[in-house]
Protein backbone atom coordinates (compact mmCIF):
# COMPACT_ATOMS: atom_id res chain seq x y z
CA MET A 1 -71.41 69.55 8.19
CA ILE A 2 -74.29 66.52 9.44
CA ARG A 3 -75.77 64.55 6.42
CA VAL A 4 -79.21 64.43 6.72
CA ILE A 5 -82.11 63.85 4.35
CA ARG A 6 -84.51 66.40 3.23
CA THR A 7 -88.80 64.46 3.37
CA ASP A 8 -88.23 64.59 -0.48
CA GLY A 9 -86.06 62.21 0.10
CA MET A 10 -83.38 64.87 -1.30
CA GLU A 11 -79.54 64.37 0.63
CA ILE A 12 -78.54 67.76 2.14
CA LEU A 13 -75.29 69.10 3.95
CA ILE A 14 -76.53 71.01 7.26
CA ASN A 15 -73.97 73.14 8.87
CA ALA A 16 -73.85 71.71 12.59
CA ARG A 17 -72.58 74.80 14.19
CA LEU A 18 -76.12 76.95 13.13
CA VAL A 19 -78.58 74.31 14.43
CA GLU A 20 -80.09 76.38 17.58
CA ALA A 21 -82.73 73.02 17.94
CA VAL A 22 -83.50 69.98 16.49
CA ASN A 23 -87.32 68.61 18.00
CA PRO A 24 -88.44 65.68 16.79
CA VAL A 25 -92.38 65.38 14.98
CA GLU A 26 -95.08 63.76 15.01
CA ASP A 27 -93.77 61.07 11.50
CA GLY A 28 -90.73 59.85 13.50
CA GLY A 29 -88.84 63.38 11.43
CA SER A 30 -87.02 65.85 12.72
CA VAL A 31 -87.91 69.74 12.39
CA ILE A 32 -84.15 71.73 12.70
CA THR A 33 -83.72 75.47 13.15
CA LEU A 34 -81.43 77.24 12.59
CA GLY A 35 -79.51 80.22 13.65
CA THR A 36 -80.37 82.49 10.32
CA GLY A 37 -84.10 81.74 11.65
CA GLU A 38 -84.75 78.93 8.85
CA LYS A 39 -86.18 75.28 9.32
CA VAL A 40 -86.00 72.22 7.48
CA LEU A 41 -88.19 69.31 8.10
CA ILE A 42 -86.15 65.51 8.05
CA LYS A 43 -86.72 62.49 8.14
CA ASN A 44 -84.27 61.43 10.49
CA VAL A 45 -85.16 61.28 13.87
CA TYR A 46 -84.20 63.94 16.70
CA VAL A 47 -81.54 61.42 18.15
CA ASP A 48 -79.61 61.08 15.52
CA VAL A 49 -79.15 64.46 14.25
CA LEU A 50 -78.62 64.51 17.92
CA GLN A 51 -75.78 62.18 17.76
CA LYS A 52 -74.55 63.50 14.33
CA ILE A 53 -73.89 67.15 15.73
CA ASP A 54 -72.16 65.10 19.15
CA ALA A 55 -69.84 63.37 16.62
CA TYR A 56 -69.84 66.88 15.00
CA ARG A 57 -68.94 68.90 17.65
CA GLN A 58 -66.02 65.43 19.01
CA GLY A 59 -64.24 65.27 15.18
CA LEU A 60 -63.72 69.73 16.12
CA SER A 61 -62.43 68.84 19.72
CA ASP A 62 -60.23 66.39 18.80
CA GLU A 63 -58.89 68.23 16.15
CA ARG A 64 -58.72 71.29 18.28
CA ARG A 65 -56.37 69.24 21.01
CA GLN A 66 -53.93 68.10 18.06
CA GLU A 67 -53.27 71.38 16.37
CA ASN A 68 -52.49 73.02 19.99
CA LYS A 69 -49.99 69.30 20.57
CA GLN A 70 -48.91 70.58 16.97
CA LEU A 71 -48.26 73.91 18.16
CA LYS A 72 -46.14 72.59 21.45
CA ASP A 73 -44.05 70.91 19.84
CA LYS A 74 -43.07 73.47 17.58
CA ASP A 75 -42.51 75.84 19.99
CA LYS A 76 -39.88 73.33 22.32
CA ASP A 77 -37.90 72.75 19.30
CA LYS A 78 -37.84 76.73 19.29
CA ASP A 79 -36.03 76.40 22.51
CA LYS A 80 -33.73 73.76 21.83
CA ASP A 81 -32.48 76.10 18.79
CA LYS A 82 -31.70 78.77 21.67
CA GLU A 83 -30.18 76.86 23.71
């Protein structure tokens, strides 16, 4: 989830996996288009939103790498126990 601020000042969380597009608007904010077709007008600038999405995705990648390492370590331990 990424945290953004709607134009009415309300802070909301958006599922970064559902973001289809982010487009800048003239007032300096952005429009986020979700996979559901819903559009959310926000105060956050375009670049800020992209950075938040990248950070979210990087976090997922790091988490997956760590999970894969843990699984490999467990497999190694099982192989040692068999010997």
